[in-house]
Amino acid sequence: MRQMEFKMERPGLLKEGDEVTVTEILRIKVREDIPVGHKIAITDLLPGDHVVKYGVPIGEASEEIKEGMYVHTHNVKDITEQLCKEYAEEFRRKAGEISGTDI
């Protein structure tokens, strides 16, 4: 399980320059203010890279996002429909393999 420690100036808001401990070996310096409950990049992302939350893709970077930057709708493209279609196709393929038929 990931444990996060926040060294913050004000509770509920990560301020530019704050440090976040993500794991024992990963510390991130916050590059811009981030509201409580919002996402912070824990690695650099290029346009087109998947944005992952809790191990599941939730979007696609629409621009370069550097470690420590605020991740939100201004730099993430919604790919919900695309992902649902891919998951449905994968489910049908696996179900067909199990049942021996095309679904």
Protein backbone atom coordinates (compact mmCIF):
# COMPACT_ATOMS: atom_id res chain seq x y z
CA MET A 1 0.00 0.00 0.00
CA ARG A 2 1.27 3.48 -0.84
CA GLN A 3 1.73 5.85 2.02
CA MET A 4 1.84 9.56 1.35
CA GLU A 5 3.21 12.19 3.68
CA PHE A 6 2.55 15.82 2.94
CA LYS A 7 4.67 18.69 4.16
CA MET A 8 2.22 21.52 3.49
CA GLU A 9 1.98 25.19 4.25
CA ARG A 10 -1.85 25.02 4.32
CA PRO A 11 -3.92 21.86 4.86
CA GLY A 12 -5.89 20.82 1.79
CA LEU A 13 -3.65 22.47 -0.75
CA LEU A 14 -0.30 21.44 -2.14
CA LYS A 15 1.69 24.61 -2.77
CA GLU A 16 4.41 25.05 -5.36
CA GLY A 17 7.67 23.98 -3.70
CA ASP A 18 6.04 21.53 -1.23
CA GLU A 19 7.51 18.03 -1.15
CA VAL A 20 5.39 14.88 -1.32
CA THR A 21 6.68 11.48 -0.24
CA VAL A 22 4.95 8.89 -2.45
CA THR A 23 7.05 5.88 -1.41
CA GLU A 24 10.16 5.34 0.67
CA ILE A 25 12.27 6.04 -2.42
CA LEU A 26 10.07 8.51 -4.33
CA ARG A 27 9.83 12.15 -3.24
CA ILE A 28 8.25 14.70 -5.55
CA LYS A 29 8.61 18.46 -5.52
CA VAL A 30 5.30 20.16 -6.33
CA ARG A 31 5.68 22.42 -9.40
CA GLU A 32 2.40 24.33 -9.05
CA ASP A 33 -0.47 24.70 -6.56
CA ILE A 34 -2.74 21.65 -6.50
CA PRO A 35 -6.19 21.68 -4.81
CA VAL A 36 -7.09 18.99 -2.28
CA GLY A 37 -8.32 15.78 -3.91
CA HIS A 38 -6.73 16.56 -7.27
CA LYS A 39 -3.94 14.64 -9.00
CA ILE A 40 -0.20 15.23 -9.13
CA ALA A 41 2.05 13.64 -11.77
CA ILE A 42 4.46 11.17 -10.17
CA THR A 43 6.36 10.74 -13.45
CA ASP A 44 6.85 12.71 -16.66
CA LEU A 45 4.15 12.15 -19.30
CA LEU A 46 4.26 12.90 -23.01
CA PRO A 47 1.22 13.79 -25.14
CA GLY A 48 -0.72 10.56 -25.76
CA ASP A 49 0.54 8.77 -22.63
CA HIS A 50 -2.17 7.26 -20.45
CA VAL A 51 -2.92 9.00 -17.17
CA VAL A 52 -3.37 6.22 -14.61
CA LYS A 53 -5.20 6.41 -11.28
CA TYR A 54 -5.37 3.38 -8.95
CA GLY A 55 -3.85 1.25 -11.74
CA VAL A 56 -6.54 2.11 -14.30
CA PRO A 57 -6.18 4.51 -17.27
CA ILE A 58 -8.49 7.50 -16.78
CA GLY A 59 -7.35 9.70 -19.64
CA GLU A 60 -4.58 10.64 -22.02
CA ALA A 61 -2.07 13.46 -21.60
CA SER A 62 -3.01 16.22 -24.05
CA GLU A 63 0.34 17.97 -23.52
CA GLU A 64 3.65 17.30 -21.82
CA ILE A 65 3.17 16.90 -18.06
CA LYS A 66 6.26 16.99 -15.86
CA GLU A 67 6.63 15.16 -12.55
CA GLY A 68 5.12 17.31 -9.80
CA MET A 69 2.65 19.14 -12.07
CA TYR A 70 -1.09 19.47 -11.54
CA VAL A 71 -3.00 16.84 -13.55
CA HIS A 72 -6.56 17.84 -14.46
CA THR A 73 -8.87 18.54 -17.41
CA HIS A 74 -6.62 21.30 -18.78
CA ASN A 75 -3.90 18.75 -19.66
CA VAL A 76 -5.79 15.41 -19.84
CA LYS A 77 -8.01 14.28 -22.71
CA ASP A 78 -11.11 12.27 -21.77
CA ILE A 79 -10.87 8.84 -23.43
CA THR A 80 -13.70 7.16 -21.50
CA GLU A 81 -15.60 6.05 -24.62
CA GLN A 82 -12.44 4.69 -26.25
CA LEU A 83 -11.52 2.75 -23.10
CA CYS A 84 -15.04 1.35 -22.68
CA LYS A 85 -14.99 0.13 -26.28
CA GLU A 86 -11.55 -1.48 -25.80
CA TYR A 87 -12.62 -3.15 -22.53
CA ALA A 88 -15.85 -4.44 -24.13
CA GLU A 89 -13.95 -5.87 -27.11
CA GLU A 90 -11.45 -7.55 -24.78
CA PHE A 91 -14.27 -8.97 -22.65
CA ARG A 92 -16.04 -10.38 -25.72
CA ARG A 93 -12.79 -11.91 -27.00
CA LYS A 94 -12.06 -13.60 -23.66
CA ALA A 95 -15.67 -14.74 -23.23
CA GLY A 96 -15.56 -16.24 -26.73
CA GLU A 97 -12.33 -18.08 -25.92
CA ILE A 98 -13.86 -19.54 -22.76
CA SER A 99 -17.13 -20.56 -24.42
CA GLY A 100 -15.57 -21.61 -27.71
CA THR A 101 -17.82 -19.25 -29.69
CA ASP A 102 -17.65 -15.77 -31.17
CA ILE A 103 -19.59 -13.26 -29.10
